Protein backbone atom coordinates (compact mmCIF):
# COMPACT_ATOMS: atom_id res chain seq x y z
CA MET A 1 0.24 0.04 -0.09
CA HIS A 2 1.49 3.17 -1.03
CA ILE A 3 0.18 6.75 0.17
CA ILE A 4 0.20 9.53 -2.50
CA ALA A 5 -0.18 13.34 -1.49
CA LEU A 6 -0.51 15.24 -5.24
CA SER A 7 -0.57 19.10 -4.18
CA LEU A 8 -1.21 22.29 -5.84
CA ASN A 9 -0.67 25.02 -4.05
CA TYR A 10 -0.07 28.76 -2.97
CA LYS A 11 3.60 27.54 -3.13
CA ASN A 12 4.23 26.26 -6.25
CA THR A 13 1.52 28.00 -8.73
CA GLY A 14 0.32 31.06 -9.08
CA VAL A 15 -3.75 32.08 -8.98
CA GLU A 16 -4.49 31.80 -12.32
CA GLU A 17 -3.15 28.17 -12.64
CA ARG A 18 -4.86 27.57 -9.20
CA GLU A 19 -7.93 28.75 -11.00
CA GLN A 20 -7.85 26.16 -13.78
CA VAL A 21 -7.83 23.57 -11.75
CA THR A 22 -10.13 24.37 -8.86
CA PHE A 23 -13.42 21.55 -8.08
CA GLN A 24 -16.73 23.96 -7.78
CA ASP A 25 -18.15 22.55 -4.23
CA ASP A 26 -21.27 20.81 -6.49
CA GLU A 27 -18.48 18.52 -8.66
CA VAL A 28 -16.73 17.28 -5.65
CA VAL A 29 -18.64 14.39 -4.57
CA GLU A 30 -18.46 12.59 -8.68
CA ALA A 31 -14.67 14.01 -9.10
CA LEU A 32 -14.39 11.61 -5.43
CA HIS A 33 -15.86 8.46 -7.03
CA LYS A 34 -14.19 9.57 -10.75
CA LEU A 35 -10.36 9.25 -8.46
CA ARG A 36 -11.25 6.98 -7.00
CA GLU A 37 -12.19 4.38 -10.31
CA GLN A 38 -8.57 5.33 -11.82
CA LYS A 39 -6.30 2.67 -11.86
CA SER A 40 -4.27 1.38 -8.82
CA ILE A 41 -6.44 3.72 -6.46
CA LEU A 42 -8.03 1.72 -3.41
CA GLU A 43 -8.79 4.58 -1.42
CA ALA A 44 -9.19 8.62 -1.99
CA THR A 45 -9.78 12.14 -0.58
CA LEU A 46 -10.04 15.32 -2.35
CA LEU A 47 -9.61 19.24 -1.12
CA SER A 48 -10.13 21.97 -2.75
CA THR A 49 -9.47 25.49 -1.70
CA CYS A 50 -8.43 28.72 -2.76
CA ASN A 51 -4.80 28.35 -2.24
CA ARG A 52 -4.43 24.47 -2.83
CA THR A 53 -6.08 21.53 -4.58
CA GLU A 54 -4.86 18.41 -3.50
CA LEU A 55 -5.70 14.88 -4.14
CA TYR A 56 -4.50 11.61 -1.39
CA VAL A 57 -4.64 8.37 -2.38
CA VAL A 58 -3.72 4.56 -1.05
CA SER A 59 -2.34 2.68 -4.37
CA ASP A 60 -1.52 -0.44 -4.77
CA GLN A 61 1.91 0.56 -7.05
CA GLU A 62 3.21 3.89 -6.21
CA HIS A 63 4.02 4.95 -10.06
CA THR A 64 1.04 3.66 -11.30
CA GLY A 65 -1.45 5.41 -8.78
CA ALA A 66 0.48 9.19 -8.99
CA TYR A 67 0.33 8.58 -12.81
CA TYR A 68 -3.48 8.12 -12.95
CA SER A 69 -3.88 10.68 -10.47
CA ARG A 70 -2.82 13.22 -12.37
CA LYS A 71 -4.24 11.81 -15.55
CA PHE A 72 -7.33 12.08 -13.45
CA LEU A 73 -6.68 15.66 -12.74
CA ALA A 74 -6.14 16.52 -16.48
CA ASP A 75 -9.36 14.96 -18.17
CA TRP A 76 -11.23 16.69 -15.49
CA PHE A 77 -9.82 20.12 -16.01
CA ASP A 78 -8.97 19.55 -20.01
CA VAL A 79 -5.60 20.35 -19.27
CA ASP A 80 -2.40 18.80 -20.54
CA TYR A 81 -1.24 16.03 -18.32
CA GLU A 82 2.97 17.35 -18.42
CA LYS A 83 1.38 20.75 -17.34
CA ILE A 84 -0.07 18.90 -14.82
CA LYS A 85 2.63 16.81 -14.13
CA GLN A 86 4.66 19.89 -14.18
CA LEU A 87 2.17 21.88 -11.22
CA THR A 88 1.81 19.34 -8.72
CA ASP A 89 4.07 18.54 -6.50
CA MET A 90 4.34 15.07 -5.19
CA LYS A 91 5.30 13.17 -1.87
CA VAL A 92 4.37 9.53 -1.15
CA ALA A 93 4.81 7.29 2.11
CA ASP A 94 5.90 8.99 5.24
CA GLU A 95 6.26 12.54 3.68
CA ALA A 96 3.19 12.41 2.17
CA VAL A 97 1.61 11.73 5.52
CA SER A 98 4.09 14.44 7.25
CA HIS A 99 2.46 16.67 4.51
CA LEU A 100 -1.27 16.01 5.48
CA PHE A 101 -0.16 16.78 9.38
CA LYS A 102 0.90 20.10 8.37
CA VAL A 103 -1.12 21.12 6.05
CA THR A 104 -4.21 20.41 8.45
CA ALA A 105 -2.42 22.27 11.51
CA GLY A 106 -1.67 25.04 9.51
CA LEU A 107 2.09 25.01 9.09
CA ASP A 108 1.41 24.73 5.40
CA SER A 109 -0.74 27.82 4.96
CA MET A 110 0.09 31.40 3.74
CA VAL A 111 -1.04 32.66 7.57
CA LEU A 112 1.28 30.07 9.94
CA GLY A 113 -0.92 28.62 12.33
CA GLU A 114 -4.46 29.28 10.82
CA THR A 115 -7.06 27.43 11.84
CA GLN A 116 -9.61 27.78 8.76
CA ILE A 117 -7.87 24.63 7.23
CA LEU A 118 -8.64 22.14 10.03
CA GLY A 119 -12.52 22.55 9.07
CA GLN A 120 -11.90 22.40 5.38
CA ILE A 121 -9.82 18.86 5.77
CA ARG A 122 -12.40 17.80 8.26
CA ASP A 123 -15.26 18.59 5.60
CA ALA A 124 -13.14 16.95 2.90
CA PHE A 125 -12.58 13.64 4.91
CA LEU A 126 -16.20 13.21 6.10
CA THR A 127 -17.28 13.85 2.51
CA ALA A 128 -15.24 11.15 1.11
CA GLN A 129 -16.02 8.89 4.05
CA GLU A 130 -19.81 9.44 3.53
CA GLU A 131 -18.92 8.30 -0.37
CA HIS A 132 -17.34 5.55 0.42
CA THR A 133 -13.91 6.22 -1.16
CA THR A 134 -12.23 5.71 2.32
CA GLY A 135 -11.05 3.13 3.74
CA THR A 136 -8.78 1.40 6.95
CA ILE A 137 -5.98 3.55 6.00
CA PHE A 138 -7.49 6.89 5.01
CA ASN A 139 -9.86 6.64 7.86
CA LYS A 140 -7.22 6.50 10.69
CA LEU A 141 -5.04 8.92 8.96
CA PHE A 142 -7.34 11.68 8.62
CA LYS A 143 -8.62 11.54 12.05
CA GLU A 144 -5.17 11.21 13.47
CA ALA A 145 -4.46 14.84 11.15
CA ILE A 146 -7.15 15.70 12.71
CA THR A 147 -6.22 15.00 16.54
CA VAL A 148 -2.63 15.79 16.35
CA ALA A 149 -4.12 19.63 14.59
CA LYS A 150 -6.66 20.05 16.93
CA ARG A 151 -3.90 19.16 20.17
CA GLY A 152 -1.11 21.30 18.32
CA HIS A 153 -3.34 24.45 18.13
CA ASN A 154 -5.12 23.64 21.97
CA GLU A 155 -1.38 23.24 23.67
CA THR A 156 0.81 26.33 21.71
CA ASP A 157 -0.22 29.79 21.41
CA ILE A 158 0.58 29.56 17.28
CA SER A 159 -2.86 30.91 16.73
CA LYS A 160 -3.18 33.47 19.36
CA ASN A 161 -0.47 36.26 18.07
CA ALA A 162 -1.73 38.43 14.79
CA VAL A 163 0.47 37.71 11.51
CA SER A 164 -2.11 39.76 9.15
CA ILE A 165 -2.42 43.90 9.27
CA SER A 166 -5.93 43.85 9.38
CA TYR A 167 -5.65 41.57 12.40
CA ALA A 168 -3.10 43.15 14.12
CA ALA A 169 -5.27 45.84 14.02
CA VAL A 170 -7.98 44.19 15.88
CA GLU A 171 -5.21 43.31 18.23
CA LEU A 172 -4.52 46.94 19.06
CA ALA A 173 -7.30 48.48 19.50
CA LYS A 174 -7.94 45.42 21.95
CA ARG A 175 -5.32 46.34 24.32
CA ILE A 176 -6.11 49.96 24.17
CA PHE A 177 -9.86 49.87 25.07
CA ALA A 178 -10.72 47.61 28.75
CA ASN A 179 -14.11 46.45 27.22
CA VAL A 180 -13.62 46.83 23.25
CA LYS A 181 -16.65 44.90 22.24
CA LYS A 182 -19.09 48.14 23.75
CA SER A 183 -16.66 50.50 21.13
CA ARG A 184 -18.01 52.31 17.71
CA VAL A 185 -15.80 51.20 15.02
CA LEU A 186 -15.49 52.76 11.53
CA VAL A 187 -14.66 50.93 8.73
CA ILE A 188 -13.15 53.37 5.83
CA GLY A 189 -13.19 51.14 2.19
CA ALA A 190 -15.00 48.02 0.94
CA GLY A 191 -12.29 46.06 -0.36
CA GLU A 192 -10.37 42.88 1.10
CA MET A 193 -8.75 44.80 3.38
CA ALA A 194 -12.24 45.75 4.81
CA GLU A 195 -14.23 42.85 4.71
CA GLU A 196 -10.82 41.08 6.88
CA SER A 197 -10.97 43.76 9.08
CA LEU A 198 -14.55 43.36 9.71
CA LEU A 199 -14.44 39.19 9.85
CA ASN A 200 -11.83 39.98 12.71
CA LEU A 201 -13.26 42.94 14.57
CA THR A 202 -16.87 40.71 14.69
CA SER A 203 -15.78 37.58 15.75
CA ASN A 204 -14.18 39.35 18.92
CA GLY A 205 -17.67 40.49 19.95
CA ILE A 206 -17.70 43.89 18.41
CA GLU A 207 -20.87 44.62 16.92
CA ASP A 208 -21.41 48.20 16.77
CA VAL A 209 -19.65 48.71 12.98
CA VAL A 210 -20.48 51.30 10.44
CA VAL A 211 -18.99 51.17 6.66
CA LEU A 212 -18.63 54.34 4.55
CA ASN A 213 -17.11 53.58 1.58
CA ARG A 214 -17.47 56.38 -1.85
CA SER A 215 -20.11 54.20 -3.40
CA LEU A 216 -22.68 53.74 -0.70
CA GLU A 217 -23.78 50.80 -2.85
CA LYS A 218 -20.68 48.60 -2.24
CA ALA A 219 -20.82 49.55 1.65
CA GLU A 220 -24.28 48.42 2.25
CA GLU A 221 -23.13 44.86 0.95
CA LEU A 222 -20.59 44.80 2.60
CA ALA A 223 -22.07 46.30 6.07
CA ALA A 224 -25.28 43.74 5.48
CA ARG A 225 -23.00 40.66 5.70
CA PHE A 226 -21.89 41.73 9.36
CA ASN A 227 -25.17 42.99 11.02
CA GLY A 228 -23.60 46.40 10.26
CA ARG A 229 -25.13 49.85 9.61
CA ALA A 230 -23.21 51.79 5.48
CA GLU A 231 -22.74 55.43 5.03
CA ASN A 232 -21.67 57.29 2.05
CA LEU A 233 -17.86 58.65 3.19
CA HIS A 234 -19.16 61.97 2.39
CA ALA A 235 -21.00 61.66 6.49
CA LEU A 236 -17.45 60.91 7.84
CA GLU A 237 -17.26 64.03 9.60
CA SER A 238 -20.16 62.93 11.45
CA GLU A 239 -19.25 59.70 12.17
CA LEU A 240 -16.08 60.61 13.70
CA LYS A 241 -17.76 62.40 16.86
CA GLU A 242 -19.20 59.25 17.66
CA ALA A 243 -16.21 56.89 16.99
CA ASP A 244 -13.87 55.15 19.31
CA ILE A 245 -12.01 53.23 17.07
CA VAL A 246 -11.10 54.12 12.73
CA ILE A 247 -9.47 51.61 10.52
CA SER A 248 -9.19 52.91 6.97
CA SER A 249 -8.19 50.55 4.53
CA THR A 250 -9.59 52.48 0.67
CA SER A 251 -7.25 53.12 -2.68
CA SER A 252 -7.43 56.53 -2.26
CA PRO A 253 -4.44 58.71 -3.65
CA ASP A 254 -5.32 61.35 -1.55
CA TYR A 255 -5.54 61.60 2.42
CA VAL A 256 -9.10 60.30 3.28
CA ILE A 257 -9.11 61.92 6.76
CA LYS A 258 -7.29 65.19 7.11
CA LYS A 259 -6.26 67.22 10.16
CA ASP A 260 -8.71 69.94 9.42
CA MET A 261 -11.23 67.36 9.96
CA ILE A 262 -10.10 65.94 13.35
CA ASP A 263 -9.41 69.24 14.54
CA GLU A 264 -13.40 70.15 13.66
CA VAL A 265 -14.65 66.79 15.67
CA ASN A 266 -12.33 66.90 18.63
CA LYS A 267 -14.87 70.17 19.76
CA THR A 268 -16.99 68.31 20.15
CA ARG A 269 -15.62 64.94 21.28
CA GLY A 270 -14.72 65.92 24.76
CA THR A 271 -11.98 64.16 26.36
CA SER A 272 -12.42 60.21 25.08
CA PRO A 273 -9.85 59.13 23.25
CA LEU A 274 -9.93 58.56 19.33
CA ILE A 275 -7.92 55.75 17.64
CA LEU A 276 -7.22 55.64 14.17
CA ILE A 277 -5.56 52.79 12.46
CA ASP A 278 -4.06 53.66 8.95
CA ILE A 279 -3.74 49.89 6.79
CA ALA A 280 -4.01 51.45 3.62
CA LEU A 281 -0.85 52.37 1.10
CA PRO A 282 -0.83 55.22 0.13
CA ARG A 283 -2.13 56.07 3.57
CA ASP A 284 -5.51 57.66 4.24
CA ILE A 285 -4.80 59.61 7.29
CA ASP A 286 -2.97 62.63 7.28
CA PRO A 287 0.38 62.02 9.55
CA ALA A 288 -0.19 65.49 10.60
CA ILE A 289 -3.04 64.50 13.00
CA ASP A 290 -0.48 62.43 15.36
CA SER A 291 -0.28 66.05 17.12
CA SER A 292 -3.85 66.42 18.00
CA GLY A 293 -4.48 65.85 21.47
CA ASN A 294 -6.61 62.33 22.70
CA VAL A 295 -5.77 61.07 18.99
CA TYR A 296 -3.82 57.96 19.02
CA MET A 297 -2.51 57.09 14.98
CA TYR A 298 -1.07 53.99 13.88
CA ASN A 299 0.03 53.04 10.34
CA VAL A 300 1.42 49.87 8.53
CA ASP A 301 4.80 50.33 9.65
CA ASP A 302 3.59 49.95 13.46
CA LEU A 303 1.76 46.95 12.66
CA GLN A 304 4.07 45.60 10.46
CA GLY A 305 6.68 45.31 14.01
CA LEU A 306 4.01 43.90 15.67
CA VAL A 307 3.04 41.20 13.00
CA ASP A 308 6.82 40.31 12.67
CA ALA A 309 7.12 39.87 15.88
CA ASN A 310 4.15 37.99 16.38
CA LEU A 311 5.24 35.88 12.89
CA ALA A 312 8.18 34.86 15.07
CA SER A 313 6.26 34.16 18.27
CA ARG A 314 4.36 31.50 16.05
CA GLU A 315 7.56 30.34 14.43
CA GLU A 316 8.35 29.21 17.69
CA GLU A 317 5.34 27.35 18.49
CA ALA A 318 5.20 26.13 14.92
CA GLU A 319 8.52 23.74 16.07
CA LYS A 320 6.47 22.48 18.62
CA ILE A 321 3.68 21.22 16.71
CA MET A 322 6.10 20.16 13.93
CA ALA A 323 7.32 17.59 16.81
CA MET A 324 3.93 16.81 17.87
CA ILE A 325 3.61 15.76 14.34
CA ASP A 326 7.19 13.56 13.88
CA GLY A 327 5.94 11.85 16.75
CA THR A 328 2.13 11.06 14.85
CA THR A 329 3.73 9.98 11.55
CA ALA A 330 6.10 7.40 13.16
CA GLU A 331 2.96 6.18 14.80
CA PHE A 332 1.05 6.13 12.13
CA GLU A 333 3.74 4.37 10.15
CA GLU A 334 4.28 1.44 12.80
CA TRP A 335 0.55 1.15 12.68
CA LEU A 336 0.66 1.07 8.35
CA ASN A 337 3.51 -1.42 8.81
CA VAL A 338 1.47 -3.90 11.24
CA GLN A 339 -1.45 -3.66 8.59
CA GLY A 340 0.61 -4.82 5.65
CA VAL A 341 1.31 -8.05 7.72
CA VAL A 342 -2.11 -8.74 8.97
CA PRO A 343 -3.81 -10.24 6.38
CA VAL A 344 -0.80 -13.14 6.16
CA ILE A 345 -1.52 -13.17 10.34
CA GLN A 346 -5.33 -13.55 9.62
CA ALA A 347 -4.50 -16.50 7.22
CA MET A 348 -2.10 -18.25 9.85
CA ARG A 349 -4.58 -18.82 12.17
CA THR A 350 -7.63 -19.33 9.56
CA LYS A 351 -5.73 -22.16 8.30
CA SER A 352 -4.67 -23.76 11.68
CA LEU A 353 -8.19 -23.11 12.92
CA ASN A 354 -9.25 -25.37 9.44
CA ILE A 355 -6.80 -27.91 10.64
CA HIS A 356 -8.23 -27.94 14.31
CA ASP A 357 -11.41 -28.51 13.46
CA GLN A 358 -10.95 -31.09 10.18
CA THR A 359 -8.86 -33.08 12.87
CA LEU A 360 -11.81 -33.05 15.84
CA ASP A 361 -14.25 -34.32 13.15
CA SER A 362 -11.90 -37.05 12.54
CA LEU A 363 -11.75 -37.68 16.28
CA GLU A 364 -15.51 -37.63 16.28
CA ARG A 365 -15.82 -40.44 13.94
CA LYS A 366 -13.15 -42.73 14.77
CA LEU A 367 -14.72 -42.14 19.14
CA PRO A 368 -17.95 -41.90 18.72
CA ASP A 369 -18.78 -42.40 22.44
CA MET A 370 -16.95 -39.33 22.86
CA SER A 371 -18.60 -37.27 25.55
CA ASP A 372 -19.54 -33.55 25.45
CA ARG A 373 -16.97 -32.74 28.09
CA GLU A 374 -14.37 -34.86 26.31
CA ARG A 375 -14.99 -32.95 23.09
CA THR A 376 -14.34 -29.89 24.94
CA VAL A 377 -11.44 -30.53 26.96
CA ILE A 378 -9.82 -32.28 23.51
CA SER A 379 -10.56 -29.19 21.54
CA LYS A 380 -9.12 -26.75 24.42
CA HIS A 381 -5.58 -28.78 24.51
CA MET A 382 -5.55 -28.58 20.56
CA LYS A 383 -5.87 -25.22 20.24
CA SER A 384 -3.30 -24.49 23.04
CA ILE A 385 -1.03 -26.46 21.04
CA ILE A 386 -1.82 -24.45 17.69
CA ASN A 387 -1.60 -21.42 19.40
CA GLN A 388 2.02 -22.01 20.79
CA MET A 389 2.82 -23.36 17.16
CA LEU A 390 2.13 -19.64 16.04
CA ARG A 391 3.04 -17.30 18.64
CA ASP A 392 6.69 -17.26 17.59
CA PRO A 393 5.92 -16.82 13.76
CA ILE A 394 3.44 -14.33 14.33
CA ILE A 395 5.75 -12.11 16.62
CA PHE A 396 8.51 -12.83 13.74
CA THR A 397 5.82 -11.77 11.17
CA LYS A 398 4.95 -8.64 12.90
CA GLU A 399 8.39 -7.70 13.65
CA ILE A 400 9.12 -7.63 9.99
CA ALA A 401 6.23 -5.06 9.02
CA GLY A 402 8.97 -2.24 9.12
CA ASP A 403 11.44 -4.15 7.62
CA LYS A 404 13.17 -2.67 3.99
CA LYS A 405 12.92 -6.60 2.77
CA ARG A 406 9.47 -7.08 4.11
CA ASP A 407 7.23 -8.13 1.17
CA GLU A 408 10.20 -10.70 -0.19
CA LYS A 409 10.03 -11.94 3.76
CA LEU A 410 6.27 -12.30 4.19
CA GLU A 411 6.38 -14.68 0.21
CA ASP A 412 8.94 -16.86 2.06
CA ILE A 413 6.41 -16.85 4.93
CA MET A 414 3.10 -17.55 2.98
CA ALA A 415 5.14 -20.01 1.15
CA MET A 416 6.92 -22.05 4.15
CA PHE A 417 2.66 -22.22 5.29
CA HIS A 418 1.50 -22.57 2.04
CA ILE A 419 -1.40 -19.85 2.99
CA GLU A 420 -0.76 -17.72 -0.70
CA GLU A 421 -5.00 -18.90 -1.30
CA GLU A 422 -5.77 -17.69 2.46
CA VAL A 423 -4.23 -14.14 1.88
CA GLU A 424 -6.23 -13.64 -1.04
CA ALA A 425 -9.08 -14.16 0.07
CA GLN A 426 -8.59 -12.14 3.34
CA ARG A 427 -7.54 -9.30 0.53
CA GLU A 428 -10.50 -10.27 -2.03
CA VAL A 429 -12.83 -9.79 1.35
CA SER A 430 -11.65 -6.72 2.49
CA ASN A 431 -11.83 -4.74 -1.36
CA SER A 432 -15.55 -6.45 -2.55
CA LYS A 433 -16.85 -5.02 0.76
CA GLN A 434 -15.26 -1.28 -0.37
CA ARG A 435 -16.41 -2.12 -3.86
CA GLU A 436 -19.99 -2.81 -2.91
CA LYS A 437 -20.58 0.73 -0.97
CA LEU A 438 -19.39 2.34 -3.43
CA GLN A 439 -21.39 0.59 -6.09
CA ALA A 440 -24.66 1.15 -3.91
CA ARG A 441 -23.69 4.60 -3.39
CA LYS A 442 -23.00 5.40 -7.29
CA GLU A 443 -26.47 4.01 -7.96
CA GLN A 444 -28.09 6.31 -5.09
CA LEU A 445 -26.21 9.23 -7.19
CA ASN A 446 -27.16 8.22 -10.18
CA LEU A 447 -23.33 8.24 -10.89
CA ASN A 448 -22.55 4.82 -13.24
């Protein structure tokens, strides 16, 4: 069994390339089944976000599984196979396992330690599990990935420090106001940074938010998503009189908030402080305002210092999570290796029990007057002999689970016990059950 991870992500592809290879939500189920049907692929999970498209598969042949996984992407998106091969980063075995663990814990994200990807991985796994495209290996692997990611976030401070400018702005406001939830916040602009600021504000319990923009329609659209109020930028001066915090992120070439405006506002504001946070480039807020009373100004450079310090802190916390990941990867590899020898051990036991039953039947025919008690005693002792005879071979078989020559040694064991057919039967039972579940699900979805 070979675990393979194929990834197109923000590190190895541009936005336009990722757009070409992104699954829409309503395509995922059909795509999963199509991927699972590819040659040599036994289990499959599919992850598609704005920053990455990743395929995780279990294959009985490494190179064949990788080829048909890439071919699936090329066919599905009508992209040249060689281009897909060039764009996809491939990892196998323990590297693939470690990659999944790092992705799930947010260590491979644009924002180090972010938690959104954990939910996306969980959803991707649950979808695959529901569609029966996962089996014993991925059911174990993805649960371990989710567990180690949760543990990493719970036992470290990796997600407690701001590493984006807009988030740092909100964290700064929380430091200044004892009860920031009661603050009135003005967000100037309706772009991506404004949206991210609103997301961070509302997730911290701030409810009184006003969005101001030159286009009232855009302001209303953004404000509605966060239960805020919208105003045209012409209302800025009057809104400043009641505001506690202002976060500005427009694309204006000129200052949006000027010193004479603040001087006028201060005449009626009293002694309550006003926090002005400028996250725009070029700047939205006149730096001369810094000399105005009861006004505290912060720009991108001020926030970047906080972000850099926090990023260094997150990197230290990430090292702690990597230690957890390394340990969990080793444990999973040990478990996976044991799974490879399980059919052989089961076949040994199956054959020995068949011999036991056949011998007991022969005894009953030759000793027809044997009592139930005598039969029970004989059966018990026969099983004891069998278990003692199998004890050392089973221990040896388990010990070679991680051996580089495991497959060769397993073939020798199967030949020695003459259990090749029993091993194949064990594997076929597992595969047939999975095929039956898949077929039933495909018929339910009309995917045949």
